[in-house]
Amino acid sequence: MPHDQAPRFPGYGVRWDTEADRYRVRNEMTGEWLRQPTGELASFVFFGDAYSAWRTFEVHKRPGER
């Protein structure tokens, strides 16, 4: 997905796609989007599921983590 489309997904890391009515996951360090094995963007109905996927997908220390 080109970077020029990113602003339609508000948020950091876990983003809401208003057109698909789903959460999407993005690695903010690399700009890469989490994809399914088929190459389609991964989508999540629940924020908690998307957040867990994001924590695995974007691995780096966040404020307060050791």
PDB file of N, CA and C in Angstrom:
ATOM      1  N   MET A   1       0.850  -1.167   0.000  1.00  0.00           N
ATOM      2  CA  MET A   1       0.000   0.000   0.000  1.00  0.00           C
ATOM      3  C   MET A   1       0.897   1.231   0.000  1.00  0.00           C
ATOM      4  N   PRO A   2       0.711   2.138  -0.913  1.00  0.00           N
ATOM      5  CA  PRO A   2       1.536   3.348  -0.966  1.00  0.00           C
ATOM      6  C   PRO A   2       1.348   4.212   0.274  1.00  0.00           C
ATOM      7  N   HIS A   3       2.408   4.939   0.631  1.00  0.00           N
ATOM      8  CA  HIS A   3       2.343   5.791   1.809  1.00  0.00           C
ATOM      9  C   HIS A   3       1.299   6.891   1.672  1.00  0.00           C
ATOM     10  N   ASP A   4       0.966   7.284   0.444  1.00  0.00           N
ATOM     11  CA  ASP A   4      -0.013   8.352   0.274  1.00  0.00           C
ATOM     12  C   ASP A   4      -1.422   7.927   0.697  1.00  0.00           C
ATOM     13  N   GLN A   5      -1.643   6.642   0.914  1.00  0.00           N
ATOM     14  CA  GLN A   5      -2.950   6.175   1.373  1.00  0.00           C
ATOM     15  C   GLN A   5      -3.010   6.052   2.889  1.00  0.00           C
ATOM     16  N   ALA A   6      -1.881   6.116   3.561  1.00  0.00           N
ATOM     17  CA  ALA A   6      -1.835   5.908   5.005  1.00  0.00           C
ATOM     18  C   ALA A   6      -2.686   6.885   5.809  1.00  0.00           C
ATOM     19  N   PRO A   7      -2.787   8.168   5.463  1.00  0.00           N
ATOM     20  CA  PRO A   7      -3.553   9.087   6.309  1.00  0.00           C
ATOM     21  C   PRO A   7      -5.025   8.716   6.497  1.00  0.00           C
ATOM     22  N   ARG A   8      -5.582   7.898   5.647  1.00  0.00           N
ATOM     23  CA  ARG A   8      -6.990   7.537   5.863  1.00  0.00           C
ATOM     24  C   ARG A   8      -7.142   6.577   7.031  1.00  0.00           C
ATOM     25  N   PHE A   9      -6.023   6.029   7.531  1.00  0.00           N
ATOM     26  CA  PHE A   9      -6.052   5.173   8.715  1.00  0.00           C
ATOM     27  C   PHE A   9      -5.532   5.969   9.907  1.00  0.00           C
ATOM     28  N   PRO A  10      -6.405   6.540  10.730  1.00  0.00           N
ATOM     29  CA  PRO A  10      -5.925   7.294  11.877  1.00  0.00           C
ATOM     30  C   PRO A  10      -5.322   6.374  12.938  1.00  0.00           C
ATOM     31  N   GLY A  11      -4.380   6.882  13.709  1.00  0.00           N
ATOM     32  CA  GLY A  11      -3.812   6.115  14.800  1.00  0.00           C
ATOM     33  C   GLY A  11      -2.364   5.761  14.586  1.00  0.00           C
ATOM     34  N   TYR A  12      -1.805   5.046  15.508  1.00  0.00           N
ATOM     35  CA  TYR A  12      -0.407   4.640  15.462  1.00  0.00           C
ATOM     36  C   TYR A  12      -0.329   3.123  15.562  1.00  0.00           C
ATOM     37  N   GLY A  13       0.280   2.486  14.592  1.00  0.00           N
ATOM     38  CA  GLY A  13       0.462   1.039  14.639  1.00  0.00           C
ATOM     39  C   GLY A  13      -0.811   0.290  14.311  1.00  0.00           C
ATOM     40  N   VAL A  14      -1.811   0.381  15.178  1.00  0.00           N
ATOM     41  CA  VAL A  14      -3.118  -0.203  14.913  1.00  0.00           C
ATOM     42  C   VAL A  14      -3.976   0.920  14.358  1.00  0.00           C
ATOM     43  N   ARG A  15      -4.470   0.722  13.172  1.00  0.00           N
ATOM     44  CA  ARG A  15      -5.225   1.790  12.501  1.00  0.00           C
ATOM     45  C   ARG A  15      -6.595   1.289  12.055  1.00  0.00           C
ATOM     46  N   TRP A  16      -7.550   2.179  12.112  1.00  0.00           N
ATOM     47  CA  TRP A  16      -8.925   1.857  11.713  1.00  0.00           C
ATOM     48  C   TRP A  16      -9.103   2.197  10.244  1.00  0.00           C
ATOM     49  N   ASP A  17      -9.511   1.207   9.474  1.00  0.00           N
ATOM     50  CA  ASP A  17      -9.800   1.396   8.052  1.00  0.00           C
ATOM     51  C   ASP A  17     -11.297   1.618   7.926  1.00  0.00           C
ATOM     52  N   THR A  18     -11.691   2.860   7.689  1.00  0.00           N
ATOM     53  CA  THR A  18     -13.116   3.187   7.648  1.00  0.00           C
ATOM     54  C   THR A  18     -13.825   2.535   6.470  1.00  0.00           C
ATOM     55  N   GLU A  19     -13.125   2.343   5.364  1.00  0.00           N
ATOM     56  CA  GLU A  19     -13.752   1.722   4.193  1.00  0.00           C
ATOM     57  C   GLU A  19     -14.042   0.242   4.415  1.00  0.00           C
ATOM     58  N   ALA A  20     -13.120  -0.454   5.074  1.00  0.00           N
ATOM     59  CA  ALA A  20     -13.291  -1.891   5.308  1.00  0.00           C
ATOM     60  C   ALA A  20     -13.989  -2.186   6.633  1.00  0.00           C
ATOM     61  N   ASP A  21     -14.115  -1.157   7.489  1.00  0.00           N
ATOM     62  CA  ASP A  21     -14.710  -1.319   8.810  1.00  0.00           C
ATOM     63  C   ASP A  21     -13.938  -2.355   9.631  1.00  0.00           C
ATOM     64  N   ARG A  22     -12.597  -2.267   9.532  1.00  0.00           N
ATOM     65  CA  ARG A  22     -11.709  -3.208  10.212  1.00  0.00           C
ATOM     66  C   ARG A  22     -10.456  -2.469  10.679  1.00  0.00           C
ATOM     67  N   TYR A  23      -9.751  -3.080  11.633  1.00  0.00           N
ATOM     68  CA  TYR A  23      -8.459  -2.560  12.056  1.00  0.00           C
ATOM     69  C   TYR A  23      -7.381  -3.126  11.146  1.00  0.00           C
ATOM     70  N   ARG A  24      -6.358  -2.308  10.883  1.00  0.00           N
ATOM     71  CA  ARG A  24      -5.188  -2.715  10.123  1.00  0.00           C
ATOM     72  C   ARG A  24      -3.967  -2.504  11.009  1.00  0.00           C
ATOM     73  N   VAL A  25      -2.893  -3.212  10.711  1.00  0.00           N
ATOM     74  CA  VAL A  25      -1.684  -3.136  11.521  1.00  0.00           C
ATOM     75  C   VAL A  25      -0.527  -2.687  10.652  1.00  0.00           C
ATOM     76  N   ARG A  26       0.214  -1.685  11.154  1.00  0.00           N
ATOM     77  CA  ARG A  26       1.341  -1.143  10.405  1.00  0.00           C
ATOM     78  C   ARG A  26       2.574  -1.062  11.296  1.00  0.00           C
ATOM     79  N   ASN A  27       3.701  -1.452  10.753  1.00  0.00           N
ATOM     80  CA  ASN A  27       4.969  -1.298  11.436  1.00  0.00           C
ATOM     81  C   ASN A  27       5.418   0.135  11.195  1.00  0.00           C
ATOM     82  N   GLU A  28       5.332   0.971  12.210  1.00  0.00           N
ATOM     83  CA  GLU A  28       5.656   2.381  12.053  1.00  0.00           C
ATOM     84  C   GLU A  28       7.149   2.613  11.865  1.00  0.00           C
ATOM     85  N   MET A  29       7.972   1.648  12.222  1.00  0.00           N
ATOM     86  CA  MET A  29       9.419   1.792  12.040  1.00  0.00           C
ATOM     87  C   MET A  29       9.796   1.646  10.568  1.00  0.00           C
ATOM     88  N   THR A  30       9.127   0.730   9.857  1.00  0.00           N
ATOM     89  CA  THR A  30       9.471   0.446   8.461  1.00  0.00           C
ATOM     90  C   THR A  30       8.414   0.920   7.471  1.00  0.00           C
ATOM     91  N   GLY A  31       7.212   1.185   7.947  1.00  0.00           N
ATOM     92  CA  GLY A  31       6.111   1.587   7.071  1.00  0.00           C
ATOM     93  C   GLY A  31       5.418   0.407   6.417  1.00  0.00           C
ATOM     94  N   GLU A  32       5.816  -0.799   6.770  1.00  0.00           N
ATOM     95  CA  GLU A  32       5.249  -2.021   6.190  1.00  0.00           C
ATOM     96  C   GLU A  32       3.911  -2.348   6.852  1.00  0.00           C
ATOM     97  N   TRP A  33       2.963  -2.821   6.049  1.00  0.00           N
ATOM     98  CA  TRP A  33       1.654  -3.236   6.554  1.00  0.00           C
ATOM     99  C   TRP A  33       1.658  -4.743   6.779  1.00  0.00           C
ATOM    100  N   LEU A  34       1.013  -5.178   7.846  1.00  0.00           N
ATOM    101  CA  LEU A  34       0.876  -6.605   8.118  1.00  0.00           C
ATOM    102  C   LEU A  34      -0.043  -7.198   7.065  1.00  0.00           C
ATOM    103  N   ARG A  35       0.408  -8.277   6.463  1.00  0.00           N
ATOM    104  CA  ARG A  35      -0.373  -8.917   5.399  1.00  0.00           C
ATOM    105  C   ARG A  35      -0.624 -10.380   5.724  1.00  0.00           C
ATOM    106  N   GLN A  36      -1.670 -10.907   5.130  1.00  0.00           N
ATOM    107  CA  GLN A  36      -1.973 -12.323   5.234  1.00  0.00           C
ATOM    108  C   GLN A  36      -1.036 -13.068   4.285  1.00  0.00           C
ATOM    109  N   PRO A  37      -0.912 -14.387   4.421  1.00  0.00           N
ATOM    110  CA  PRO A  37      -0.055 -15.148   3.509  1.00  0.00           C
ATOM    111  C   PRO A  37      -0.425 -14.970   2.029  1.00  0.00           C
ATOM    112  N   THR A  38      -1.672 -14.601   1.754  1.00  0.00           N
ATOM    113  CA  THR A  38      -2.114 -14.389   0.370  1.00  0.00           C
ATOM    114  C   THR A  38      -1.654 -13.044  -0.193  1.00  0.00           C
ATOM    115  N   GLY A  39      -1.128 -12.172   0.673  1.00  0.00           N
ATOM    116  CA  GLY A  39      -0.688 -10.851   0.239  1.00  0.00           C
ATOM    117  C   GLY A  39      -1.689  -9.746   0.531  1.00  0.00           C
ATOM    118  N   GLU A  40      -2.900 -10.116   0.924  1.00  0.00           N
ATOM    119  CA  GLU A  40      -3.905  -9.109   1.278  1.00  0.00           C
ATOM    120  C   GLU A  40      -3.559  -8.495   2.631  1.00  0.00           C
ATOM    121  N   LEU A  41      -4.012  -7.259   2.830  1.00  0.00           N
ATOM    122  CA  LEU A  41      -3.813  -6.633   4.132  1.00  0.00           C
ATOM    123  C   LEU A  41      -4.533  -7.444   5.202  1.00  0.00           C
ATOM    124  N   ALA A  42      -3.848  -7.668   6.309  1.00  0.00           N
ATOM    125  CA  ALA A  42      -4.487  -8.351   7.428  1.00  0.00           C
ATOM    126  C   ALA A  42      -5.527  -7.417   8.025  1.00  0.00           C
ATOM    127  N   SER A  43      -6.641  -7.968   8.455  1.00  0.00           N
ATOM    128  CA  SER A  43      -7.688  -7.151   9.057  1.00  0.00           C
ATOM    129  C   SER A  43      -8.191  -7.808  10.328  1.00  0.00           C
ATOM    130  N   PHE A  44      -8.628  -6.961  11.251  1.00  0.00           N
ATOM    131  CA  PHE A  44      -9.080  -7.436  12.558  1.00  0.00           C
ATOM    132  C   PHE A  44     -10.369  -6.732  12.922  1.00  0.00           C
ATOM    133  N   VAL A  45     -11.296  -7.474  13.485  1.00  0.00           N
ATOM    134  CA  VAL A  45     -12.566  -6.919  13.933  1.00  0.00           C
ATOM    135  C   VAL A  45     -12.382  -6.267  15.299  1.00  0.00           C
ATOM    136  N   PHE A  46     -11.570  -6.879  16.152  1.00  0.00           N
ATOM    137  CA  PHE A  46     -11.391  -6.404  17.518  1.00  0.00           C
ATOM    138  C   PHE A  46     -10.040  -5.721  17.689  1.00  0.00           C
ATOM    139  N   PHE A  47     -10.049  -4.591  18.396  1.00  0.00           N
ATOM    140  CA  PHE A  47      -8.825  -3.848  18.635  1.00  0.00           C
ATOM    141  C   PHE A  47      -7.784  -4.696  19.366  1.00  0.00           C
ATOM    142  N   GLY A  48      -8.207  -5.457  20.358  1.00  0.00           N
ATOM    143  CA  GLY A  48      -7.277  -6.281  21.135  1.00  0.00           C
ATOM    144  C   GLY A  48      -6.507  -7.256  20.262  1.00  0.00           C
ATOM    145  N   ASP A  49      -7.173  -7.853  19.292  1.00  0.00           N
ATOM    146  CA  ASP A  49      -6.507  -8.778  18.374  1.00  0.00           C
ATOM    147  C   ASP A  49      -5.493  -8.042  17.503  1.00  0.00           C
ATOM    148  N   ALA A  50      -5.889  -6.872  17.016  1.00  0.00           N
ATOM    149  CA  ALA A  50      -4.989  -6.073  16.182  1.00  0.00           C
ATOM    150  C   ALA A  50      -3.794  -5.595  16.995  1.00  0.00           C
ATOM    151  N   TYR A  51      -4.028  -5.198  18.227  1.00  0.00           N
ATOM    152  CA  TYR A  51      -2.944  -4.707  19.081  1.00  0.00           C
ATOM    153  C   TYR A  51      -1.940  -5.821  19.369  1.00  0.00           C
ATOM    154  N   SER A  52      -2.432  -7.009  19.632  1.00  0.00           N
ATOM    155  CA  SER A  52      -1.535  -8.146  19.870  1.00  0.00           C
ATOM    156  C   SER A  52      -0.702  -8.448  18.634  1.00  0.00           C
ATOM    157  N   ALA A  53      -1.317  -8.399  17.472  1.00  0.00           N
ATOM    158  CA  ALA A  53      -0.593  -8.635  16.220  1.00  0.00           C
ATOM    159  C   ALA A  53       0.446  -7.549  16.000  1.00  0.00           C
ATOM    160  N   TRP A  54       0.092  -6.309  16.315  1.00  0.00           N
ATOM    161  CA  TRP A  54       1.029  -5.202  16.145  1.00  0.00           C
ATOM    162  C   TRP A  54       2.242  -5.344  17.053  1.00  0.00           C
ATOM    163  N   ARG A  55       2.027  -5.748  18.299  1.00  0.00           N
ATOM    164  CA  ARG A  55       3.147  -5.905  19.242  1.00  0.00           C
ATOM    165  C   ARG A  55       4.119  -6.977  18.758  1.00  0.00           C
ATOM    166  N   THR A  56       3.619  -7.968  18.064  1.00  0.00           N
ATOM    167  CA  THR A  56       4.477  -9.013  17.509  1.00  0.00           C
ATOM    168  C   THR A  56       5.136  -8.526  16.221  1.00  0.00           C
ATOM    169  N   PHE A  57       4.396  -7.794  15.426  1.00  0.00           N
ATOM    170  CA  PHE A  57       4.850  -7.348  14.107  1.00  0.00           C
ATOM    171  C   PHE A  57       5.888  -6.231  14.215  1.00  0.00           C
ATOM    172  N   GLU A  58       5.670  -5.280  15.110  1.00  0.00           N
ATOM    173  CA  GLU A  58       6.615  -4.173  15.285  1.00  0.00           C
ATOM    174  C   GLU A  58       7.369  -4.390  16.585  1.00  0.00           C
ATOM    175  N   VAL A  59       8.478  -5.042  16.490  1.00  0.00           N
ATOM    176  CA  VAL A  59       9.235  -5.405  17.684  1.00  0.00           C
ATOM    177  C   VAL A  59      10.287  -4.331  17.958  1.00  0.00           C
ATOM    178  N   HIS A  60      10.081  -3.557  18.976  1.00  0.00           N
ATOM    179  CA  HIS A  60      11.069  -2.622  19.518  1.00  0.00           C
ATOM    180  C   HIS A  60      10.584  -2.182  20.892  1.00  0.00           C
ATOM    181  N   LYS A  61      11.480  -1.689  21.674  1.00  0.00           N
ATOM    182  CA  LYS A  61      11.106  -1.269  23.026  1.00  0.00           C
ATOM    183  C   LYS A  61      10.288   0.012  22.963  1.00  0.00           C
ATOM    184  N   ARG A  62       9.199   0.008  23.702  1.00  0.00           N
ATOM    185  CA  ARG A  62       8.331   1.165  23.781  1.00  0.00           C
ATOM    186  C   ARG A  62       8.553   1.847  25.137  1.00  0.00           C
ATOM    187  N   PRO A  63       8.146   3.080  25.276  1.00  0.00           N
ATOM    188  CA  PRO A  63       8.332   3.757  26.573  1.00  0.00           C
ATOM    189  C   PRO A  63       7.767   2.928  27.723  1.00  0.00           C
ATOM    190  N   GLY A  64       8.572   2.740  28.753  1.00  0.00           N
ATOM    191  CA  GLY A  64       8.150   1.975  29.922  1.00  0.00           C
ATOM    192  C   GLY A  64       8.465   0.502  29.842  1.00  0.00           C
ATOM    193  N   GLU A  65       8.877  -0.010  28.685  1.00  0.00           N
ATOM    194  CA  GLU A  65       9.216  -1.427  28.565  1.00  0.00           C
ATOM    195  C   GLU A  65      10.696  -1.642  28.853  1.00  0.00           C
ATOM    196  N   ARG A  66      11.021  -2.825  29.350  1.00  0.00           N
ATOM    197  CA  ARG A  66      12.418  -3.177  29.627  1.00  0.00           C
ATOM    198  C   ARG A  66      12.925  -4.192  28.664  1.00  0.00           C
TER     199      ARG A  66
END
